[in-house]
Amino acid sequence: MAPIVSVIIPHRNDSNRLVQCIKALTKQTYPRNLYEIIVIDNCSDNIHKQRLIEINNDYNITLFNEPKLSSYAARNLGLKNAKGSFIAFTDSDCIPEPNWIEYGLNAFSNCFNCGFISGKVDLFFKEENNPNAIELFEYIFALNQENYIKDNFAATANIFTSKQVIENVGTFNEDFFSSGDREWCLRVKDKHYNISFCNKVIVHHPARHSFEAIIKRHLRLCGGKFKHQKAQGISSIKLFFINIFHILPPVVSIYRVYKNKDFKKIKNNKTKIELIMLMIFLRYLKVLETFKLLIGNDPKNY
């Protein structure tokens, strides 16, 4: 008999996009009686909490509330209540392909001693044929799971694993606001599991399109990376000098952007300049944020 799968989705103030995610999940090629949809609300406001009750009634999901503000705490609550022998993680703003569960399980089964399968995160634009510079930046540089897997991790926007792996490796570190997926994935690798990327296991994800949104994302990622580095035992002095190095002009980074195949496809030179300027700005934004973290500021949790 085919195994039961638990799909785990953390949610916070994103009920409109969550509906699109759940609609896609109800149209899977995998038999509906063999997978459950677990949504864990993580400190949403009252408007979205009420909407979740309506969604629960309309789509037969399993709904929990996690009072600790942490998407990883929310995922852990989902894991605690999951009935499936296999676990699929995605986010409330993702839209899985109809064969997502089927292909994810197949990929996991074909990976010997598998720890997790990383699937493709396909970014799309607010206006399909008219992306702005921020959306293009996201499309080129964000959520590249195929590259992530080379560094032994994946984003929880699209991961398949098993209950057995979770029991052996442990759950997510709830103190992380970001990079908790990286920390968990590295623990999986340390347990000598195999990991793999499959480009047929696809979810669609909206590219951020506002300056505010991309700044928040990079500050959050910076804080997550800092906590991960400290958890690994890297001293503040070493992190200080690593950060000093990043003050140097990003000549190598600019060259890599210039050679990027997606960057080369952009015809508008003004847009190319905007992308490079955004990359430089975000680099120094993270340098400044790291210095703030080193003197004791709390990581941002957006």
Protein backbone atom coordinates (compact mmCIF):
# COMPACT_ATOMS: atom_id res chain seq x y z
CA MET A 1 0.00 0.00 0.00
CA ALA A 2 1.18 3.53 -0.80
CA PRO A 3 2.46 5.48 2.24
CA ILE A 4 0.68 8.32 4.00
CA VAL A 5 2.26 11.76 3.57
CA SER A 6 1.94 14.71 5.94
CA VAL A 7 2.25 18.09 4.20
CA ILE A 8 3.33 20.72 6.74
CA ILE A 9 2.75 24.44 6.10
CA PRO A 10 3.59 27.21 8.59
CA HIS A 11 1.42 30.31 8.21
CA ARG A 12 1.42 33.90 9.43
CA ASN A 13 -0.86 36.63 8.06
CA ASP A 14 -0.87 35.15 4.56
CA SER A 15 -4.31 33.56 4.24
CA ASN A 16 -5.02 34.71 0.67
CA ARG A 17 -1.95 32.99 -0.72
CA LEU A 18 -2.48 30.04 1.61
CA VAL A 19 -5.81 29.39 -0.16
CA GLN A 20 -3.96 29.11 -3.48
CA CYS A 21 -1.47 26.72 -1.91
CA ILE A 22 -4.19 24.48 -0.47
CA LYS A 23 -6.21 24.52 -3.70
CA ALA A 24 -3.13 23.20 -5.50
CA LEU A 25 -2.64 20.55 -2.83
CA THR A 26 -6.22 19.30 -3.21
CA LYS A 27 -5.54 18.65 -6.92
CA GLN A 28 -2.60 16.30 -6.48
CA THR A 29 -2.17 13.14 -8.57
CA TYR A 30 -1.42 11.31 -5.32
CA PRO A 31 -4.60 9.82 -3.77
CA ARG A 32 -6.28 12.38 -1.50
CA ASN A 33 -6.96 9.80 1.21
CA LEU A 34 -3.22 9.13 1.52
CA TYR A 35 -2.05 12.62 2.48
CA GLU A 36 -2.97 15.17 5.11
CA ILE A 37 -2.54 18.94 4.94
CA ILE A 38 -1.35 20.39 8.24
CA VAL A 39 -1.40 24.17 8.62
CA ILE A 40 0.20 25.71 11.70
CA ASP A 41 -0.74 29.31 12.36
CA ASN A 42 2.12 31.27 13.87
CA CYS A 43 0.79 34.39 15.61
CA SER A 44 -1.46 35.73 12.86
CA ASP A 45 -3.77 38.67 13.56
CA ASN A 46 -7.49 38.11 14.17
CA ILE A 47 -8.53 38.74 10.55
CA HIS A 48 -6.29 35.95 9.26
CA LYS A 49 -7.18 33.66 12.17
CA GLN A 50 -10.85 33.96 11.20
CA ARG A 51 -9.97 33.28 7.57
CA LEU A 52 -8.13 30.12 8.65
CA ILE A 53 -11.29 28.81 10.28
CA GLU A 54 -13.11 29.29 6.97
CA ILE A 55 -10.30 27.60 5.06
CA ASN A 56 -10.39 24.70 7.50
CA ASN A 57 -14.12 24.25 6.88
CA ASP A 58 -13.76 24.51 3.10
CA TYR A 59 -10.77 22.26 2.46
CA ASN A 60 -10.60 19.67 5.23
CA ILE A 61 -7.18 20.60 6.57
CA THR A 62 -5.71 20.00 10.01
CA LEU A 63 -5.15 23.30 11.81
CA PHE A 64 -2.93 24.06 14.81
CA ASN A 65 -1.77 27.24 16.55
CA GLU A 66 1.83 27.82 17.62
CA PRO A 67 2.16 30.76 20.06
CA LYS A 68 5.95 31.02 19.79
CA LEU A 69 6.88 33.38 16.97
CA SER A 70 9.07 31.05 14.92
CA SER A 71 8.29 29.25 11.67
CA TYR A 72 10.51 26.42 12.90
CA ALA A 73 8.50 26.07 16.09
CA ALA A 74 5.42 25.91 13.86
CA ARG A 75 6.96 23.19 11.73
CA ASN A 76 7.91 21.25 14.86
CA LEU A 77 4.31 21.38 16.07
CA GLY A 78 3.27 20.01 12.67
CA LEU A 79 5.83 17.21 12.98
CA LYS A 80 4.60 16.35 16.47
CA ASN A 81 1.09 15.81 15.12
CA ALA A 82 1.93 14.33 11.71
CA LYS A 83 0.39 10.95 10.95
CA GLY A 84 2.37 10.21 7.80
CA SER A 85 5.49 8.11 7.47
CA PHE A 86 6.71 10.72 4.97
CA ILE A 87 6.87 14.48 5.46
CA ALA A 88 6.58 17.21 2.81
CA PHE A 89 7.42 20.81 3.70
CA THR A 90 6.25 23.84 1.79
CA ASP A 91 5.27 27.45 2.58
CA SER A 92 1.95 29.27 2.55
CA ASP A 93 2.97 31.39 -0.45
CA CYS A 94 3.96 28.39 -2.59
CA ILE A 95 1.86 26.69 -5.25
CA PRO A 96 2.84 23.02 -5.71
CA GLU A 97 2.58 21.34 -9.10
CA PRO A 98 -0.20 18.69 -9.35
CA ASN A 99 2.38 15.87 -9.29
CA TRP A 100 4.40 17.38 -6.42
CA ILE A 101 3.68 14.70 -3.82
CA GLU A 102 3.88 11.82 -6.31
CA TYR A 103 7.21 12.96 -7.75
CA GLY A 104 8.60 13.84 -4.32
CA LEU A 105 7.94 10.34 -2.99
CA ASN A 106 9.34 8.74 -6.14
CA ALA A 107 12.53 10.80 -5.85
CA PHE A 108 12.88 9.87 -2.17
CA SER A 109 12.40 6.17 -2.95
CA ASN A 110 15.06 6.31 -5.68
CA CYS A 111 17.64 7.89 -3.36
CA PHE A 112 19.42 5.20 -1.32
CA ASN A 113 19.58 5.90 2.43
CA CYS A 114 17.83 9.18 1.74
CA GLY A 115 17.83 12.01 4.27
CA PHE A 116 15.83 14.48 2.21
CA ILE A 117 14.89 15.42 -1.31
CA SER A 118 15.18 19.04 -2.37
CA GLY A 119 12.74 20.18 -5.05
CA LYS A 120 12.78 23.11 -7.46
CA VAL A 121 11.38 26.48 -6.37
CA ASP A 122 10.19 28.23 -9.51
CA LEU A 123 9.82 31.98 -8.97
CA PHE A 124 7.13 33.93 -10.81
CA PHE A 125 6.39 37.65 -11.20
CA LYS A 126 3.50 39.87 -10.14
CA GLU A 127 3.09 40.86 -13.80
CA GLU A 128 4.23 37.87 -15.81
CA ASN A 129 5.90 39.75 -18.68
CA ASN A 130 6.89 42.91 -16.84
CA PRO A 131 9.14 42.12 -13.85
CA ASN A 132 10.83 44.95 -11.99
CA ALA A 133 14.50 44.93 -11.02
CA ILE A 134 13.80 43.51 -7.55
CA GLU A 135 11.81 40.60 -8.97
CA LEU A 136 14.58 39.89 -11.47
CA PHE A 137 17.14 39.97 -8.66
CA GLU A 138 15.06 37.41 -6.75
CA TYR A 139 14.63 35.27 -9.86
CA ILE A 140 18.38 35.15 -10.47
CA PHE A 141 19.68 34.82 -6.92
CA ALA A 142 16.95 33.56 -4.55
CA LEU A 143 15.93 30.02 -3.65
CA ASN A 144 18.22 28.22 -6.09
CA GLN A 145 17.75 24.74 -4.64
CA GLU A 146 20.04 23.12 -7.19
CA ASN A 147 22.90 25.31 -5.94
CA TYR A 148 21.89 24.96 -2.30
CA ILE A 149 22.16 21.17 -2.46
CA LYS A 150 25.84 21.52 -3.42
CA ASP A 151 26.30 23.04 0.03
CA ASN A 152 24.28 20.21 1.63
CA PHE A 153 21.09 22.11 2.42
CA ALA A 154 17.72 23.13 0.98
CA ALA A 155 14.95 25.60 1.76
CA THR A 156 11.87 24.25 3.51
CA ALA A 157 9.75 25.77 0.75
CA ASN A 158 10.24 22.39 -0.96
CA ILE A 159 11.65 19.44 1.00
CA PHE A 160 10.60 15.79 1.30
CA THR A 161 11.85 13.62 4.14
CA SER A 162 10.64 10.75 6.32
CA LYS A 163 9.43 10.38 9.90
CA GLN A 164 12.32 7.98 10.47
CA VAL A 165 14.88 10.61 9.46
CA ILE A 166 13.22 13.18 11.73
CA GLU A 167 13.34 10.73 14.65
CA ASN A 168 17.03 10.09 14.05
CA VAL A 169 18.16 13.65 13.31
CA GLY A 170 15.77 15.62 15.48
CA THR A 171 13.43 18.51 14.74
CA PHE A 172 14.22 22.13 13.86
CA ASN A 173 15.97 24.53 16.21
CA GLU A 174 13.14 26.82 17.32
CA ASP A 175 15.48 29.63 18.32
CA PHE A 176 16.30 30.35 14.68
CA PHE A 177 14.32 33.02 12.80
CA SER A 178 16.09 32.08 9.57
CA SER A 179 18.59 29.43 8.41
CA GLY A 180 16.95 26.82 10.63
CA ASP A 181 16.44 24.75 7.49
CA ARG A 182 20.17 24.94 6.73
CA GLU A 183 21.04 23.93 10.29
CA TRP A 184 18.67 20.94 10.12
CA CYS A 185 19.90 19.84 6.70
CA LEU A 186 23.51 19.88 7.85
CA ARG A 187 22.53 17.66 10.78
CA VAL A 188 20.98 15.25 8.27
CA LYS A 189 24.23 15.19 6.31
CA ASP A 190 26.25 14.70 9.50
CA LYS A 191 24.23 11.54 10.13
CA HIS A 192 25.60 10.21 6.82
CA TYR A 193 22.32 10.27 4.96
CA ASN A 194 22.30 10.85 1.23
CA ILE A 195 20.58 13.98 -0.06
CA SER A 196 19.42 14.82 -3.56
CA PHE A 197 17.85 17.49 -5.76
CA CYS A 198 15.05 16.66 -8.19
CA ASN A 199 13.97 19.30 -10.72
CA LYS A 200 10.66 17.49 -11.34
CA VAL A 201 9.51 18.17 -7.77
CA ILE A 202 8.27 21.72 -8.27
CA VAL A 203 6.57 24.45 -6.28
CA HIS A 204 5.95 27.95 -7.65
CA HIS A 205 6.86 30.89 -5.43
CA PRO A 206 6.18 34.62 -5.95
CA ALA A 207 9.30 36.75 -6.32
CA ARG A 208 9.43 39.66 -3.92
CA HIS A 209 8.68 42.83 -5.81
CA SER A 210 9.15 45.65 -3.29
CA PHE A 211 12.29 47.22 -1.88
CA GLU A 212 10.93 46.85 1.66
CA ALA A 213 10.27 43.13 1.22
CA ILE A 214 13.73 42.33 -0.09
CA ILE A 215 15.42 44.36 2.68
CA LYS A 216 13.42 42.49 5.32
CA ARG A 217 14.35 39.16 3.77
CA HIS A 218 18.07 39.90 3.72
CA LEU A 219 18.12 41.26 7.28
CA ARG A 220 16.30 38.12 8.43
CA LEU A 221 18.74 35.89 6.51
CA CYS A 222 21.66 37.81 7.96
CA GLY A 223 20.40 37.21 11.50
CA GLY A 224 19.80 33.54 10.78
CA LYS A 225 23.27 33.07 9.32
CA PHE A 226 24.80 34.83 12.34
CA LYS A 227 23.00 32.55 14.81
CA HIS A 228 24.00 29.50 12.80
CA GLN A 229 27.65 30.58 12.79
CA LYS A 230 27.59 31.19 16.53
CA ALA A 231 25.93 27.80 17.08
CA GLN A 232 28.82 26.24 15.16
CA GLY A 233 31.23 27.76 17.67
CA ILE A 234 32.68 30.50 15.45
CA SER A 235 34.01 33.25 17.70
CA SER A 236 32.87 36.86 17.54
CA ILE A 237 36.44 37.93 16.76
CA LYS A 238 36.59 35.66 13.72
CA LEU A 239 33.15 36.86 12.56
CA PHE A 240 34.34 40.45 12.99
CA PHE A 241 37.29 39.93 10.65
CA ILE A 242 35.16 37.98 8.15
CA ASN A 243 32.80 40.94 8.12
CA ILE A 244 35.72 43.38 7.65
CA PHE A 245 36.68 41.41 4.55
CA HIS A 246 33.19 41.95 3.11
CA ILE A 247 33.75 45.71 3.21
CA LEU A 248 36.17 45.32 0.30
CA PRO A 249 34.74 46.21 -3.14
CA PRO A 250 32.74 43.20 -4.42
CA VAL A 251 34.67 42.82 -7.68
CA VAL A 252 34.42 39.03 -7.75
CA SER A 253 30.70 39.10 -6.98
CA ILE A 254 30.07 41.61 -9.77
CA TYR A 255 32.02 39.42 -12.19
CA ARG A 256 29.94 36.37 -11.21
CA VAL A 257 26.75 38.34 -11.76
CA TYR A 258 27.99 39.47 -15.15
CA LYS A 259 28.69 35.86 -16.16
CA ASN A 260 25.35 34.57 -14.87
CA LYS A 261 23.30 33.08 -17.72
CA ASP A 262 20.03 34.64 -16.54
CA PHE A 263 21.69 38.04 -16.13
CA LYS A 264 22.96 37.83 -19.71
CA LYS A 265 19.40 37.34 -20.98
CA ILE A 266 18.38 40.80 -19.73
CA LYS A 267 18.39 43.17 -22.69
CA ASN A 268 17.91 46.45 -20.85
CA ASN A 269 21.27 47.82 -19.66
CA LYS A 270 19.55 50.14 -17.17
CA THR A 271 17.98 47.10 -15.51
CA LYS A 272 21.36 45.36 -15.40
CA ILE A 273 22.88 48.36 -13.63
CA GLU A 274 19.97 48.44 -11.17
CA LEU A 275 20.54 44.76 -10.37
CA ILE A 276 24.25 45.27 -9.70
CA MET A 277 23.55 48.34 -7.55
CA LEU A 278 20.96 46.37 -5.57
CA MET A 279 23.43 43.55 -5.04
CA ILE A 280 26.04 46.00 -3.74
CA PHE A 281 23.52 47.73 -1.49
CA LEU A 282 22.35 44.45 0.04
CA ARG A 283 25.94 43.35 0.58
CA TYR A 284 26.75 46.42 2.67
CA LEU A 285 23.37 46.31 4.40
CA LYS A 286 24.30 42.83 5.66
CA VAL A 287 27.77 44.05 6.67
CA LEU A 288 26.19 46.78 8.79
CA GLU A 289 23.62 44.38 10.27
CA THR A 290 26.36 41.90 11.18
CA PHE A 291 28.27 44.59 13.07
CA LYS A 292 25.05 45.39 14.97
CA LEU A 293 24.64 41.70 15.83
CA LEU A 294 28.24 41.51 17.01
CA ILE A 295 27.65 44.30 19.53
CA GLY A 296 24.58 42.56 20.90
CA ASN A 297 21.58 43.62 18.82
CA ASP A 298 18.83 41.01 18.43
CA PRO A 299 18.38 39.34 15.01
CA LYS A 300 15.47 40.61 12.94
CA ASN A 301 12.43 38.32 12.75
CA TYR A 302 10.25 39.31 9.81
